[in-house]
Amino acid sequence: MLLIPAIDLKDGQCVQLRQGIMESATVYSADPGAMARHWVEAGARRLHVVDLDGAFAGTPVNRALVRRIVAAVGTVPVQVGGGIRDLETARSYFDVGVSQVITGTSAIEDPDFLATLANAFPGRVVLGLDARDGRVATRGWATVSEVDAVAFAGAVTEQLFAIVYTDVGRDGMLAGVNVDATRRVALAARVPIIASGGVRSLDDLRAILDLGLGPDRILGAISGSALYEGKLDFEVARRWLEARQQPGPHGGDGGAR
């Protein structure tokens, strides 16, 4: 399981929101490219980038900035979301080196679009499944639908790379990961999930690992505010995860606790 730093873009800066509310943004860097390099130098093996402006606008706003981030991190995979609602937008991101694109709103409102996108780019599409109280949230989390998140996860195509499952109510709140919801989505989905929302400490990472589902079910966990606020030390957490997941007497099923 990977620990994946989040780089959320708003007005050209690296920010974090509380519960997806744009007015709650805290700026952590005026140079997201430098922040991306910082995480890679600390050992990050994947980055999660979200164009927040694009999520609300319905079309990418920080595309040039995403291009600079991809160039800054070399071969480290970058997954990007925010305003990706057609094939042409996805293709434009792949053309500049993005590894996976994340789509949420269009996928929920038109499941056929998700299947079309995944079939066009197999293994390169991530479903952004954002939920509040178990129901799917769309359009930058501004709209909560009647769609059940677990049921939707179980119905999506196996052509996807993964599902990023975010508990919107915990995102940016340093409130701890929703372990039960993460488990239910992971068991329902036919592709690996990436847990997001509230990941604040080694205890959260331990709780996810202790579900015992393995990387075929849970590929990683995204953290943002906890990393930027210093509540979770990325290098310490990365080394802990690596040691915990090594086979043998000090890893795997019997890893450090």
C-alpha atoms as a PDB file:
ATOM      1  CA  MET A   1       0.000   0.000   0.000  1.00  0.00           C
ATOM      2  CA  LEU A   2       1.315   3.386  -1.012  1.00  0.00           C
ATOM      3  CA  LEU A   3       1.100   6.654   0.889  1.00  0.00           C
ATOM      4  CA  ILE A   4       0.216   9.208  -1.791  1.00  0.00           C
ATOM      5  CA  PRO A   5       0.651  12.956  -1.197  1.00  0.00           C
ATOM      6  CA  ALA A   6      -2.151  15.206  -2.433  1.00  0.00           C
ATOM      7  CA  ILE A   7      -1.414  18.366  -4.393  1.00  0.00           C
ATOM      8  CA  ASP A   8      -4.607  20.384  -4.756  1.00  0.00           C
ATOM      9  CA  LEU A   9      -4.457  23.361  -7.109  1.00  0.00           C
ATOM     10  CA  LYS A  10      -6.387  26.594  -6.671  1.00  0.00           C
ATOM     11  CA  ASP A  11      -5.493  29.935  -8.244  1.00  0.00           C
ATOM     12  CA  GLY A  12      -2.116  28.503  -9.260  1.00  0.00           C
ATOM     13  CA  GLN A  13      -1.206  27.551  -5.700  1.00  0.00           C
ATOM     14  CA  CYS A  14      -0.978  24.352  -3.656  1.00  0.00           C
ATOM     15  CA  VAL A  15      -3.820  24.375  -1.130  1.00  0.00           C
ATOM     16  CA  GLN A  16      -5.938  22.161   1.066  1.00  0.00           C
ATOM     17  CA  LEU A  17      -9.668  22.560   1.640  1.00  0.00           C
ATOM     18  CA  ARG A  18     -11.852  21.563   4.566  1.00  0.00           C
ATOM     19  CA  GLN A  19     -14.720  19.288   3.459  1.00  0.00           C
ATOM     20  CA  GLY A  20     -14.299  20.491  -0.117  1.00  0.00           C
ATOM     21  CA  ILE A  21     -15.368  24.073   0.650  1.00  0.00           C
ATOM     22  CA  MET A  22     -13.453  26.424  -1.663  1.00  0.00           C
ATOM     23  CA  GLU A  23     -13.627  29.343   0.784  1.00  0.00           C
ATOM     24  CA  SER A  24     -11.818  27.225   3.382  1.00  0.00           C
ATOM     25  CA  ALA A  25      -8.603  26.957   1.352  1.00  0.00           C
ATOM     26  CA  THR A  26      -5.295  27.092   3.193  1.00  0.00           C
ATOM     27  CA  VAL A  27      -2.328  27.886   0.945  1.00  0.00           C
ATOM     28  CA  TYR A  28       0.748  25.723   1.532  1.00  0.00           C
ATOM     29  CA  SER A  29       2.890  26.660  -1.445  1.00  0.00           C
ATOM     30  CA  ALA A  30       2.913  29.194  -4.261  1.00  0.00           C
ATOM     31  CA  ASP A  31       5.019  26.728  -6.287  1.00  0.00           C
ATOM     32  CA  PRO A  32       3.193  23.396  -6.710  1.00  0.00           C
ATOM     33  CA  GLY A  33       5.986  22.106  -8.957  1.00  0.00           C
ATOM     34  CA  ALA A  34       8.495  22.554  -6.161  1.00  0.00           C
ATOM     35  CA  MET A  35       6.081  20.875  -3.753  1.00  0.00           C
ATOM     36  CA  ALA A  36       5.776  17.912  -6.107  1.00  0.00           C
ATOM     37  CA  ARG A  37       9.566  17.602  -6.246  1.00  0.00           C
ATOM     38  CA  HIS A  38       9.681  17.749  -2.452  1.00  0.00           C
ATOM     39  CA  TRP A  39       7.389  14.728  -2.134  1.00  0.00           C
ATOM     40  CA  VAL A  40       9.289  12.767  -4.768  1.00  0.00           C
ATOM     41  CA  GLU A  41      12.596  13.493  -3.050  1.00  0.00           C
ATOM     42  CA  ALA A  42      11.011  12.189   0.158  1.00  0.00           C
ATOM     43  CA  GLY A  43      10.267   8.911  -1.615  1.00  0.00           C
ATOM     44  CA  ALA A  44       6.739   9.306  -2.991  1.00  0.00           C
ATOM     45  CA  ARG A  45       5.967   6.693  -5.646  1.00  0.00           C
ATOM     46  CA  ARG A  46       2.735   8.326  -6.866  1.00  0.00           C
ATOM     47  CA  LEU A  47       1.209  11.806  -6.655  1.00  0.00           C
ATOM     48  CA  HIS A  48      -2.457  12.769  -6.524  1.00  0.00           C
ATOM     49  CA  VAL A  49      -3.143  16.115  -8.196  1.00  0.00           C
ATOM     50  CA  VAL A  50      -6.547  17.825  -8.287  1.00  0.00           C
ATOM     51  CA  ASP A  51      -7.425  20.946 -10.262  1.00  0.00           C
ATOM     52  CA  LEU A  52      -9.951  22.358  -7.800  1.00  0.00           C
ATOM     53  CA  ASP A  53     -10.760  25.292 -10.051  1.00  0.00           C
ATOM     54  CA  GLY A  54     -11.401  22.824 -12.856  1.00  0.00           C
ATOM     55  CA  ALA A  55     -13.655  20.667 -10.671  1.00  0.00           C
ATOM     56  CA  PHE A  56     -15.965  23.604 -10.078  1.00  0.00           C
ATOM     57  CA  ALA A  57     -15.673  25.045 -13.592  1.00  0.00           C
ATOM     58  CA  GLY A  58     -16.306  21.711 -15.282  1.00  0.00           C
ATOM     59  CA  THR A  59     -13.198  22.032 -17.444  1.00  0.00           C
ATOM     60  CA  PRO A  60      -9.461  22.134 -16.607  1.00  0.00           C
ATOM     61  CA  VAL A  61      -8.175  25.485 -15.404  1.00  0.00           C
ATOM     62  CA  ASN A  62      -4.655  24.617 -14.196  1.00  0.00           C
ATOM     63  CA  ARG A  63      -3.614  22.420 -17.128  1.00  0.00           C
ATOM     64  CA  ALA A  64      -0.326  24.286 -17.692  1.00  0.00           C
ATOM     65  CA  LEU A  65       0.533  23.888 -14.020  1.00  0.00           C
ATOM     66  CA  VAL A  66      -0.178  20.153 -14.188  1.00  0.00           C
ATOM     67  CA  ARG A  67       2.194  19.950 -17.146  1.00  0.00           C
ATOM     68  CA  ARG A  68       4.936  21.582 -15.064  1.00  0.00           C
ATOM     69  CA  ILE A  69       4.318  19.192 -12.167  1.00  0.00           C
ATOM     70  CA  VAL A  70       4.617  16.160 -14.465  1.00  0.00           C
ATOM     71  CA  ALA A  71       7.842  17.534 -15.908  1.00  0.00           C
ATOM     72  CA  ALA A  72       9.194  18.182 -12.412  1.00  0.00           C
ATOM     73  CA  VAL A  73       8.743  14.636 -11.111  1.00  0.00           C
ATOM     74  CA  GLY A  74      10.127  12.621 -14.007  1.00  0.00           C
ATOM     75  CA  THR A  75       9.000   9.004 -14.051  1.00  0.00           C
ATOM     76  CA  VAL A  76       6.888   9.131 -10.873  1.00  0.00           C
ATOM     77  CA  PRO A  77       3.239   8.471 -11.833  1.00  0.00           C
ATOM     78  CA  VAL A  78       0.879  11.424 -11.517  1.00  0.00           C
ATOM     79  CA  GLN A  79      -2.878  10.957 -11.366  1.00  0.00           C
ATOM     80  CA  VAL A  80      -4.918  14.076 -12.120  1.00  0.00           C
ATOM     81  CA  GLY A  81      -8.545  15.009 -11.549  1.00  0.00           C
ATOM     82  CA  GLY A  82     -10.745  18.058 -11.782  1.00  0.00           C
ATOM     83  CA  GLY A  83     -12.922  18.959 -14.755  1.00  0.00           C
ATOM     84  CA  ILE A  84     -12.172  15.842 -16.828  1.00  0.00           C
ATOM     85  CA  ARG A  85     -15.528  15.299 -18.486  1.00  0.00           C
ATOM     86  CA  ASP A  86     -14.715  14.230 -22.045  1.00  0.00           C
ATOM     87  CA  LEU A  87     -12.280  12.043 -23.967  1.00  0.00           C
ATOM     88  CA  GLU A  88     -10.424  14.968 -25.510  1.00  0.00           C
ATOM     89  CA  THR A  89      -9.523  16.398 -22.097  1.00  0.00           C
ATOM     90  CA  ALA A  90      -8.272  13.010 -20.914  1.00  0.00           C
ATOM     91  CA  ARG A  91      -6.186  12.585 -24.051  1.00  0.00           C
ATOM     92  CA  SER A  92      -4.660  16.045 -23.631  1.00  0.00           C
ATOM     93  CA  TYR A  93      -3.457  15.070 -20.152  1.00  0.00           C
ATOM     94  CA  PHE A  94      -1.971  11.813 -21.382  1.00  0.00           C
ATOM     95  CA  ASP A  95      -0.179  13.754 -24.102  1.00  0.00           C
ATOM     96  CA  VAL A  96       1.737  15.750 -21.454  1.00  0.00           C
ATOM     97  CA  GLY A  97       2.726  12.671 -19.436  1.00  0.00           C
ATOM     98  CA  VAL A  98      -0.057  12.206 -16.880  1.00  0.00           C
ATOM     99  CA  SER A  99      -0.291   8.505 -15.933  1.00  0.00           C
ATOM    100  CA  GLN A 100      -3.961   8.335 -14.952  1.00  0.00           C
ATOM    101  CA  VAL A 101      -6.899  10.727 -15.143  1.00  0.00           C
ATOM    102  CA  ILE A 102      -9.602  10.865 -12.506  1.00  0.00           C
ATOM    103  CA  THR A 103     -13.222  11.479 -13.410  1.00  0.00           C
ATOM    104  CA  GLY A 104     -16.057  11.845 -10.959  1.00  0.00           C
ATOM    105  CA  THR A 105     -19.003  14.028 -11.900  1.00  0.00           C
ATOM    106  CA  SER A 106     -19.390  12.826 -15.483  1.00  0.00           C
ATOM    107  CA  ALA A 107     -18.938   9.216 -14.408  1.00  0.00           C
ATOM    108  CA  ILE A 108     -21.721   9.456 -11.829  1.00  0.00           C
ATOM    109  CA  GLU A 109     -24.110  11.440 -13.987  1.00  0.00           C
ATOM    110  CA  ASP A 110     -23.426   9.303 -17.065  1.00  0.00           C
ATOM    111  CA  PRO A 111     -22.047   5.815 -16.275  1.00  0.00           C
ATOM    112  CA  ASP A 112     -21.846   5.119 -20.011  1.00  0.00           C
ATOM    113  CA  PHE A 113     -19.255   7.891 -20.261  1.00  0.00           C
ATOM    114  CA  LEU A 114     -17.117   6.161 -17.634  1.00  0.00           C
ATOM    115  CA  ALA A 115     -17.255   2.906 -19.579  1.00  0.00           C
ATOM    116  CA  THR A 116     -16.419   4.700 -22.825  1.00  0.00           C
ATOM    117  CA  LEU A 117     -13.471   6.498 -21.245  1.00  0.00           C
ATOM    118  CA  ALA A 118     -12.147   3.337 -19.595  1.00  0.00           C
ATOM    119  CA  ASN A 119     -12.472   1.370 -22.816  1.00  0.00           C
ATOM    120  CA  ALA A 120     -10.676   4.085 -24.762  1.00  0.00           C
ATOM    121  CA  PHE A 121      -7.835   4.256 -22.208  1.00  0.00           C
ATOM    122  CA  PRO A 122      -7.742   0.886 -20.380  1.00  0.00           C
ATOM    123  CA  GLY A 123      -5.802   0.980 -17.137  1.00  0.00           C
ATOM    124  CA  ARG A 124      -5.443   4.755 -17.274  1.00  0.00           C
ATOM    125  CA  VAL A 125      -8.741   5.933 -15.795  1.00  0.00           C
ATOM    126  CA  VAL A 126      -9.547   6.353 -12.113  1.00  0.00           C
ATOM    127  CA  LEU A 127     -13.053   6.818 -10.780  1.00  0.00           C
ATOM    128  CA  GLY A 128     -13.245   9.609  -8.233  1.00  0.00           C
ATOM    129  CA  LEU A 129     -15.921   8.310  -5.881  1.00  0.00           C
ATOM    130  CA  ASP A 130     -16.642  11.051  -3.368  1.00  0.00           C
ATOM    131  CA  ALA A 131     -19.294  10.435  -0.736  1.00  0.00           C
ATOM    132  CA  ARG A 132     -21.032  12.290   2.045  1.00  0.00           C
ATOM    133  CA  ASP A 133     -22.929  10.071   4.499  1.00  0.00           C
ATOM    134  CA  GLY A 134     -22.652   7.202   2.022  1.00  0.00           C
ATOM    135  CA  ARG A 135     -24.137   9.102  -0.922  1.00  0.00           C
ATOM    136  CA  VAL A 136     -22.127  10.214  -3.933  1.00  0.00           C
ATOM    137  CA  ALA A 137     -21.154  13.903  -4.176  1.00  0.00           C
ATOM    138  CA  THR A 138     -20.467  15.573  -7.542  1.00  0.00           C
ATOM    139  CA  ARG A 139     -19.570  18.921  -9.123  1.00  0.00           C
ATOM    140  CA  GLY A 140     -16.719  19.731  -6.797  1.00  0.00           C
ATOM    141  CA  TRP A 141     -18.643  18.094  -3.923  1.00  0.00           C
ATOM    142  CA  ALA A 142     -21.239  20.876  -4.154  1.00  0.00           C
ATOM    143  CA  THR A 143     -24.060  18.442  -5.042  1.00  0.00           C
ATOM    144  CA  VAL A 144     -24.989  15.311  -3.087  1.00  0.00           C
ATOM    145  CA  SER A 145     -26.918  12.749  -5.123  1.00  0.00           C
ATOM    146  CA  GLU A 146     -29.117   9.844  -4.083  1.00  0.00           C
ATOM    147  CA  VAL A 147     -26.583   7.363  -5.521  1.00  0.00           C
ATOM    148  CA  ASP A 148     -25.207   4.865  -2.995  1.00  0.00           C
ATOM    149  CA  ALA A 149     -21.401   4.900  -3.104  1.00  0.00           C
ATOM    150  CA  VAL A 150     -20.900   1.206  -2.334  1.00  0.00           C
ATOM    151  CA  ALA A 151     -23.437   0.105  -4.936  1.00  0.00           C
ATOM    152  CA  PHE A 152     -21.869   2.345  -7.568  1.00  0.00           C
ATOM    153  CA  ALA A 153     -18.370   1.013  -6.800  1.00  0.00           C
ATOM    154  CA  GLY A 154     -19.599  -2.528  -7.347  1.00  0.00           C
ATOM    155  CA  ALA A 155     -21.037  -1.753 -10.762  1.00  0.00           C
ATOM    156  CA  VAL A 156     -18.107  -0.075 -12.520  1.00  0.00           C
ATOM    157  CA  THR A 157     -16.002  -1.597 -15.274  1.00  0.00           C
ATOM    158  CA  GLU A 158     -12.880  -3.650 -14.594  1.00  0.00           C
ATOM    159  CA  GLN A 159     -11.102  -1.570 -17.243  1.00  0.00           C
ATOM    160  CA  LEU A 160     -10.476   1.093 -14.602  1.00  0.00           C
ATOM    161  CA  PHE A 161      -7.072   1.483 -12.974  1.00  0.00           C
ATOM    162  CA  ALA A 162      -8.566   2.162  -9.547  1.00  0.00           C
ATOM    163  CA  ILE A 163     -11.213   4.001  -7.537  1.00  0.00           C
ATOM    164  CA  VAL A 164     -10.270   6.908  -5.276  1.00  0.00           C
ATOM    165  CA  TYR A 165     -12.817   6.747  -2.470  1.00  0.00           C
ATOM    166  CA  THR A 166     -13.094   9.967  -0.471  1.00  0.00           C
ATOM    167  CA  ASP A 167     -15.231  10.574   2.592  1.00  0.00           C
ATOM    168  CA  VAL A 168     -16.022  14.243   1.948  1.00  0.00           C
ATOM    169  CA  GLY A 169     -17.041  14.909   5.536  1.00  0.00           C
ATOM    170  CA  ARG A 170     -13.568  13.972   6.765  1.00  0.00           C
ATOM    171  CA  ASP A 171     -11.479  15.501   3.987  1.00  0.00           C
ATOM    172  CA  GLY A 172      -9.133  18.169   5.308  1.00  0.00           C
ATOM    173  CA  MET A 173     -10.549  17.810   8.825  1.00  0.00           C
ATOM    174  CA  LEU A 174      -7.760  15.657  10.328  1.00  0.00           C
ATOM    175  CA  ALA A 175     -10.594  13.515  11.687  1.00  0.00           C
ATOM    176  CA  GLY A 176      -9.241  10.073  10.841  1.00  0.00           C
ATOM    177  CA  VAL A 177     -10.078   7.780   7.963  1.00  0.00           C
ATOM    178  CA  ASN A 178     -13.529   6.197   7.644  1.00  0.00           C
ATOM    179  CA  VAL A 179     -12.306   2.612   7.940  1.00  0.00           C
ATOM    180  CA  ASP A 180     -15.701   0.926   7.740  1.00  0.00           C
ATOM    181  CA  ALA A 181     -16.739   2.757   4.570  1.00  0.00           C
ATOM    182  CA  THR A 182     -13.329   2.103   3.037  1.00  0.00           C
ATOM    183  CA  ARG A 183     -13.718  -1.622   3.753  1.00  0.00           C
ATOM    184  CA  ARG A 184     -17.202  -1.786   2.254  1.00  0.00           C
ATOM    185  CA  VAL A 185     -16.195   0.035  -0.930  1.00  0.00           C
ATOM    186  CA  ALA A 186     -13.030  -2.081  -1.292  1.00  0.00           C
ATOM    187  CA  LEU A 187     -14.981  -5.321  -0.962  1.00  0.00           C
ATOM    188  CA  ALA A 188     -17.637  -4.179  -3.424  1.00  0.00           C
ATOM    189  CA  ALA A 189     -15.301  -2.863  -6.125  1.00  0.00           C
ATOM    190  CA  ARG A 190     -13.840  -5.013  -8.890  1.00  0.00           C
ATOM    191  CA  VAL A 191     -10.713  -2.832  -9.077  1.00  0.00           C
ATOM    192  CA  PRO A 192      -8.325  -1.620  -6.342  1.00  0.00           C
ATOM    193  CA  ILE A 193      -9.320   1.423  -4.345  1.00  0.00           C
ATOM    194  CA  ILE A 194      -7.277   4.290  -2.968  1.00  0.00           C
ATOM    195  CA  ALA A 195      -8.517   5.542   0.394  1.00  0.00           C
ATOM    196  CA  SER A 196      -8.856   9.284   0.884  1.00  0.00           C
ATOM    197  CA  GLY A 197     -10.320  11.717   3.372  1.00  0.00           C
ATOM    198  CA  GLY A 198      -9.085  12.128   6.941  1.00  0.00           C
ATOM    199  CA  VAL A 199      -5.838  10.122   6.718  1.00  0.00           C
ATOM    200  CA  ARG A 200      -3.935  11.829   9.530  1.00  0.00           C
ATOM    201  CA  SER A 201      -1.583   9.384  11.293  1.00  0.00           C
ATOM    202  CA  LEU A 202       0.120   6.025  11.377  1.00  0.00           C
ATOM    203  CA  ASP A 203      -2.940   4.798  13.248  1.00  0.00           C
ATOM    204  CA  ASP A 204      -5.045   5.421  10.145  1.00  0.00           C
ATOM    205  CA  LEU A 205      -2.579   3.606   7.926  1.00  0.00           C
ATOM    206  CA  ARG A 206      -2.437   0.749  10.425  1.00  0.00           C
ATOM    207  CA  ALA A 207      -6.233   0.547  10.506  1.00  0.00           C
ATOM    208  CA  ILE A 208      -6.378   0.272   6.724  1.00  0.00           C
ATOM    209  CA  LEU A 209      -3.644  -2.363   6.613  1.00  0.00           C
ATOM    210  CA  ASP A 210      -5.294  -4.291   9.421  1.00  0.00           C
ATOM    211  CA  LEU A 211      -8.338  -4.792   7.218  1.00  0.00           C
ATOM    212  CA  GLY A 212      -6.115  -7.446   5.643  1.00  0.00           C
ATOM    213  CA  LEU A 213      -7.413  -6.845   2.128  1.00  0.00           C
ATOM    214  CA  GLY A 214      -4.061  -6.534   0.349  1.00  0.00           C
ATOM    215  CA  PRO A 215      -2.965  -4.325  -2.563  1.00  0.00           C
ATOM    216  CA  ASP A 216      -5.412  -5.950  -4.982  1.00  0.00           C
ATOM    217  CA  ARG A 217      -8.164  -4.368  -2.912  1.00  0.00           C
ATOM    218  CA  ILE A 218      -6.479  -1.273  -1.436  1.00  0.00           C
ATOM    219  CA  LEU A 219      -3.684   0.178  -3.532  1.00  0.00           C
ATOM    220  CA  GLY A 220      -2.899   3.168  -1.369  1.00  0.00           C
ATOM    221  CA  ALA A 221      -4.005   6.013   0.860  1.00  0.00           C
ATOM    222  CA  ILE A 222      -3.974   9.709   0.013  1.00  0.00           C
ATOM    223  CA  SER A 223      -3.046  12.304   2.613  1.00  0.00           C
ATOM    224  CA  GLY A 224      -3.005  16.060   2.301  1.00  0.00           C
ATOM    225  CA  SER A 225      -3.630  18.274   5.317  1.00  0.00           C
ATOM    226  CA  ALA A 226      -1.905  15.919   7.757  1.00  0.00           C
ATOM    227  CA  LEU A 227       1.278  15.991   5.676  1.00  0.00           C
ATOM    228  CA  TYR A 228       1.239  19.751   5.199  1.00  0.00           C
ATOM    229  CA  GLU A 229       0.443  20.428   8.859  1.00  0.00           C
ATOM    230  CA  GLY A 230       3.205  18.092  10.045  1.00  0.00           C
ATOM    231  CA  LYS A 231       0.777  15.742  11.789  1.00  0.00           C
ATOM    232  CA  LEU A 232       2.034  12.888   9.602  1.00  0.00           C
ATOM    233  CA  ASP A 233       5.689  12.715   8.651  1.00  0.00           C
ATOM    234  CA  PHE A 234       5.779  11.391   5.100  1.00  0.00           C
ATOM    235  CA  GLU A 235       9.230   9.783   5.233  1.00  0.00           C
ATOM    236  CA  VAL A 236       8.548   8.129   8.593  1.00  0.00           C
ATOM    237  CA  ALA A 237       5.191   6.849   7.359  1.00  0.00           C
ATOM    238  CA  ARG A 238       6.648   5.616   4.073  1.00  0.00           C
ATOM    239  CA  ARG A 239       9.402   3.689   5.833  1.00  0.00           C
ATOM    240  CA  TRP A 240       6.889   2.272   8.308  1.00  0.00           C
ATOM    241  CA  LEU A 241       4.642   1.075   5.495  1.00  0.00           C
ATOM    242  CA  GLU A 242       7.541  -0.476   3.637  1.00  0.00           C
ATOM    243  CA  ALA A 243       8.732  -2.312   6.758  1.00  0.00           C
ATOM    244  CA  ARG A 244       5.219  -3.420   7.681  1.00  0.00           C
ATOM    245  CA  GLN A 245       4.628  -4.895   4.252  1.00  0.00           C
ATOM    246  CA  GLN A 246       7.932  -6.712   3.871  1.00  0.00           C
ATOM    247  CA  PRO A 247       7.654 -10.531   4.023  1.00  0.00           C
ATOM    248  CA  GLY A 248       9.215 -12.238   6.984  1.00  0.00           C
ATOM    249  CA  PRO A 249       9.124 -11.994  10.785  1.00  0.00           C
ATOM    250  CA  HIS A 250       9.140  -8.175  10.852  1.00  0.00           C
ATOM    251  CA  GLY A 251       6.678  -7.488   8.045  1.00  0.00           C
ATOM    252  CA  GLY A 252       3.652  -8.842   6.276  1.00  0.00           C
ATOM    253  CA  ASP A 253       1.158 -10.338   8.695  1.00  0.00           C
ATOM    254  CA  GLY A 254       3.462  -9.819  11.654  1.00  0.00           C
ATOM    255  CA  GLY A 255       4.678  -6.294  10.922  1.00  0.00           C
ATOM    256  CA  ALA A 256       5.395  -3.503  13.378  1.00  0.00           C
ATOM    257  CA  ARG A 257       2.435  -2.277  15.407  1.00  0.00           C
END
